[in-house]
Amino acid sequence: MTAPELAGAVWRKSTRSNGQGQCVVVAHLDQAVAMRDSKHPTGAVLIFTPAEWTAFVTGAKAGEFDQ
């Protein structure tokens, strides 16, 4: 995915973010979900298929990534 393809993306952060700018933002695209660091909006963007995104969110909610 190229930068011009992401130019029109609508980025949003969780309503549960801590307000300190330490979060990720997500954009739902036509056939993908993009995620980036809110502190570095021009930095790297991770792209997920809808199935990958669903698996990630499900795992996060289940505590799979807790330390």
C-alpha atoms as a PDB file:
ATOM      1  CA  MET A   1       0.000   0.000   0.000  1.00  0.00           C
ATOM      2  CA  THR A   2       1.395   3.398  -0.932  1.00  0.00           C
ATOM      3  CA  ALA A   3       1.233   6.727   0.888  1.00  0.00           C
ATOM      4  CA  PRO A   4      -1.265   8.170  -1.631  1.00  0.00           C
ATOM      5  CA  GLU A   5      -3.569   5.204  -0.976  1.00  0.00           C
ATOM      6  CA  LEU A   6      -3.536   6.090   2.733  1.00  0.00           C
ATOM      7  CA  ALA A   7      -3.940   9.839   2.181  1.00  0.00           C
ATOM      8  CA  GLY A   8      -7.721   9.690   2.458  1.00  0.00           C
ATOM      9  CA  ALA A   9      -7.756   7.269   5.398  1.00  0.00           C
ATOM     10  CA  VAL A  10      -9.795   8.281   8.419  1.00  0.00           C
ATOM     11  CA  TRP A  11      -7.695   7.456  11.472  1.00  0.00           C
ATOM     12  CA  ARG A  12      -9.283   6.893  14.861  1.00  0.00           C
ATOM     13  CA  LYS A  13      -8.082   5.916  18.310  1.00  0.00           C
ATOM     14  CA  SER A  14      -9.827   3.971  20.998  1.00  0.00           C
ATOM     15  CA  THR A  15     -12.106   5.831  23.343  1.00  0.00           C
ATOM     16  CA  ARG A  16     -10.219   3.931  26.060  1.00  0.00           C
ATOM     17  CA  SER A  17      -6.872   5.531  25.214  1.00  0.00           C
ATOM     18  CA  ASN A  18      -5.131   7.136  28.167  1.00  0.00           C
ATOM     19  CA  GLY A  19      -5.065  10.649  26.701  1.00  0.00           C
ATOM     20  CA  GLN A  20      -1.272  10.801  26.937  1.00  0.00           C
ATOM     21  CA  GLY A  21      -0.688  10.141  23.253  1.00  0.00           C
ATOM     22  CA  GLN A  22       0.618   6.638  23.871  1.00  0.00           C
ATOM     23  CA  CYS A  23      -1.664   4.731  21.591  1.00  0.00           C
ATOM     24  CA  VAL A  24      -2.123   3.409  18.111  1.00  0.00           C
ATOM     25  CA  VAL A  25      -4.629   4.665  15.597  1.00  0.00           C
ATOM     26  CA  VAL A  26      -6.568   2.539  13.125  1.00  0.00           C
ATOM     27  CA  ALA A  27      -8.096   3.208   9.719  1.00  0.00           C
ATOM     28  CA  HIS A  28     -10.594   0.838   8.125  1.00  0.00           C
ATOM     29  CA  LEU A  29      -9.951   0.752   4.390  1.00  0.00           C
ATOM     30  CA  ASP A  30     -11.839  -0.964   1.553  1.00  0.00           C
ATOM     31  CA  GLN A  31     -10.086  -4.321   1.783  1.00  0.00           C
ATOM     32  CA  ALA A  32      -7.722  -3.829   4.720  1.00  0.00           C
ATOM     33  CA  VAL A  33      -7.174  -2.322   8.137  1.00  0.00           C
ATOM     34  CA  ALA A  34      -4.224   0.014   8.707  1.00  0.00           C
ATOM     35  CA  MET A  35      -2.592   0.691  12.084  1.00  0.00           C
ATOM     36  CA  ARG A  36       0.105   3.211  13.065  1.00  0.00           C
ATOM     37  CA  ASP A  37       1.667   4.862  16.121  1.00  0.00           C
ATOM     38  CA  SER A  38      -0.223   8.019  17.063  1.00  0.00           C
ATOM     39  CA  LYS A  39       3.050   9.748  18.014  1.00  0.00           C
ATOM     40  CA  HIS A  40       4.529   9.156  14.538  1.00  0.00           C
ATOM     41  CA  PRO A  41       1.738   9.749  12.009  1.00  0.00           C
ATOM     42  CA  THR A  42       4.184   9.835   9.100  1.00  0.00           C
ATOM     43  CA  GLY A  43       5.974   6.682  10.237  1.00  0.00           C
ATOM     44  CA  ALA A  44       5.428   3.033   9.439  1.00  0.00           C
ATOM     45  CA  VAL A  45       1.934   1.687   8.866  1.00  0.00           C
ATOM     46  CA  LEU A  46       0.974  -1.934   9.451  1.00  0.00           C
ATOM     47  CA  ILE A  47      -1.619  -3.343   7.055  1.00  0.00           C
ATOM     48  CA  PHE A  48      -3.885  -6.248   8.008  1.00  0.00           C
ATOM     49  CA  THR A  49      -6.475  -8.203   6.091  1.00  0.00           C
ATOM     50  CA  PRO A  50      -9.920  -8.091   7.714  1.00  0.00           C
ATOM     51  CA  ALA A  51      -9.426 -11.683   8.959  1.00  0.00           C
ATOM     52  CA  GLU A  52      -6.017 -10.857  10.460  1.00  0.00           C
ATOM     53  CA  TRP A  53      -7.456  -7.782  12.175  1.00  0.00           C
ATOM     54  CA  THR A  54     -10.337  -9.773  13.648  1.00  0.00           C
ATOM     55  CA  ALA A  55      -7.898 -12.408  14.951  1.00  0.00           C
ATOM     56  CA  PHE A  56      -5.692  -9.701  16.494  1.00  0.00           C
ATOM     57  CA  VAL A  57      -8.575  -7.916  18.233  1.00  0.00           C
ATOM     58  CA  THR A  58     -10.037 -11.207  19.471  1.00  0.00           C
ATOM     59  CA  GLY A  59      -6.638 -12.228  20.866  1.00  0.00           C
ATOM     60  CA  ALA A  60      -6.113  -8.858  22.538  1.00  0.00           C
ATOM     61  CA  LYS A  61      -9.524  -9.018  24.194  1.00  0.00           C
ATOM     62  CA  ALA A  62      -8.765 -12.557  25.410  1.00  0.00           C
ATOM     63  CA  GLY A  63      -5.452 -11.452  26.960  1.00  0.00           C
ATOM     64  CA  GLU A  64      -3.236 -13.411  24.573  1.00  0.00           C
ATOM     65  CA  PHE A  65      -0.709 -10.571  24.447  1.00  0.00           C
ATOM     66  CA  ASP A  66      -0.583  -9.763  28.156  1.00  0.00           C
ATOM     67  CA  GLN A  67       2.824 -10.073  29.775  1.00  0.00           C
END
